[in-house]
């Protein structure tokens, strides 16, 4: 039996959410740290981009849709 019924999304969802969080955070700090954190946020998107490429999808289009979904504010839907 399951001890924890939480669901962890796959397909790069965690990396996209971390990327969004870091991008938002980077906008609140000045200087070189902002650039470094922004670069790290961009690097996290390599994982979902590679998954899209491997599946034969247009990675740019899919990542833009994922960014839009992650930017939506409100309660997350539970499966």
Protein backbone atom coordinates (compact mmCIF):
# COMPACT_ATOMS: atom_id res chain seq x y z
CA UNK A 1 0.00 0.00 0.00
CA UNK A 2 0.98 3.61 -0.54
CA UNK A 3 2.23 5.53 2.45
CA UNK A 4 2.18 8.83 0.59
CA UNK A 5 -0.41 9.54 -2.09
CA UNK A 6 1.29 12.68 -3.45
CA UNK A 7 1.86 12.84 -7.18
CA UNK A 8 5.08 14.17 -8.66
CA UNK A 9 4.66 15.43 -12.19
CA UNK A 10 7.13 14.20 -14.79
CA UNK A 11 8.21 15.30 -18.22
CA UNK A 12 10.32 18.19 -16.96
CA UNK A 13 7.52 19.84 -14.95
CA UNK A 14 9.65 20.18 -11.84
CA UNK A 15 12.51 21.70 -13.81
CA UNK A 16 10.13 24.19 -15.46
CA UNK A 17 8.70 25.23 -12.09
CA UNK A 18 12.18 25.64 -10.61
CA UNK A 19 13.21 27.65 -13.66
CA UNK A 20 10.20 29.95 -13.23
CA UNK A 21 10.92 30.42 -9.54
CA UNK A 22 14.58 31.24 -10.18
CA UNK A 23 13.77 33.66 -13.02
CA UNK A 24 11.29 35.48 -10.79
CA UNK A 25 13.79 35.55 -7.94
CA UNK A 26 16.61 36.79 -10.18
CA UNK A 27 14.55 39.87 -11.03
CA UNK A 28 14.59 40.90 -7.37
CA UNK A 29 18.37 41.06 -6.96
CA UNK A 30 20.93 43.35 -8.60
CA UNK A 31 24.27 42.76 -10.23
CA UNK A 32 26.05 39.70 -11.47
CA UNK A 33 24.07 37.41 -9.19
CA UNK A 34 20.98 38.19 -11.26
CA UNK A 35 22.73 36.99 -14.41
CA UNK A 36 24.05 33.85 -12.75
CA UNK A 37 20.68 32.85 -11.34
CA UNK A 38 19.02 33.58 -14.70
CA UNK A 39 21.56 31.38 -16.46
CA UNK A 40 20.91 28.57 -14.00
CA UNK A 41 17.16 28.94 -14.59
CA UNK A 42 17.72 28.67 -18.33
CA UNK A 43 19.93 25.61 -17.85
CA UNK A 44 17.14 23.80 -16.00
CA UNK A 45 15.00 24.05 -19.14
CA UNK A 46 17.46 21.84 -21.02
CA UNK A 47 15.80 18.75 -19.54
CA UNK A 48 12.25 19.39 -20.85
CA UNK A 49 13.73 20.70 -24.13
CA UNK A 50 15.62 17.45 -24.64
CA UNK A 51 12.53 15.41 -23.79
CA UNK A 52 10.60 17.35 -26.47
CA UNK A 53 13.35 16.83 -29.03
CA UNK A 54 13.56 13.11 -28.25
CA UNK A 55 9.80 12.76 -28.67
CA UNK A 56 9.88 14.59 -32.01
CA UNK A 57 7.98 17.67 -30.84
CA UNK A 58 8.77 21.32 -31.56
CA UNK A 59 10.63 22.12 -28.35
CA UNK A 60 10.29 25.91 -28.65
CA UNK A 61 6.52 25.74 -29.01
CA UNK A 62 6.09 23.23 -26.18
CA UNK A 63 8.37 25.14 -23.80
CA UNK A 64 6.46 28.36 -24.47
CA UNK A 65 3.21 26.56 -23.62
CA UNK A 66 4.78 25.10 -20.48
CA UNK A 67 6.02 28.53 -19.38
CA UNK A 68 2.53 29.94 -19.86
CA UNK A 69 0.97 27.14 -17.80
CA UNK A 70 3.52 27.56 -15.02
CA UNK A 71 2.89 31.32 -15.01
CA UNK A 72 -0.81 30.86 -14.25
CA UNK A 73 -1.65 31.79 -10.69
CA UNK A 74 -4.09 29.79 -8.65
CA UNK A 75 -4.61 26.37 -7.12
CA UNK A 76 -3.08 23.47 -8.96
CA UNK A 77 -5.39 20.78 -10.28
CA UNK A 78 -4.99 17.42 -8.63
CA UNK A 79 -5.40 14.26 -10.67
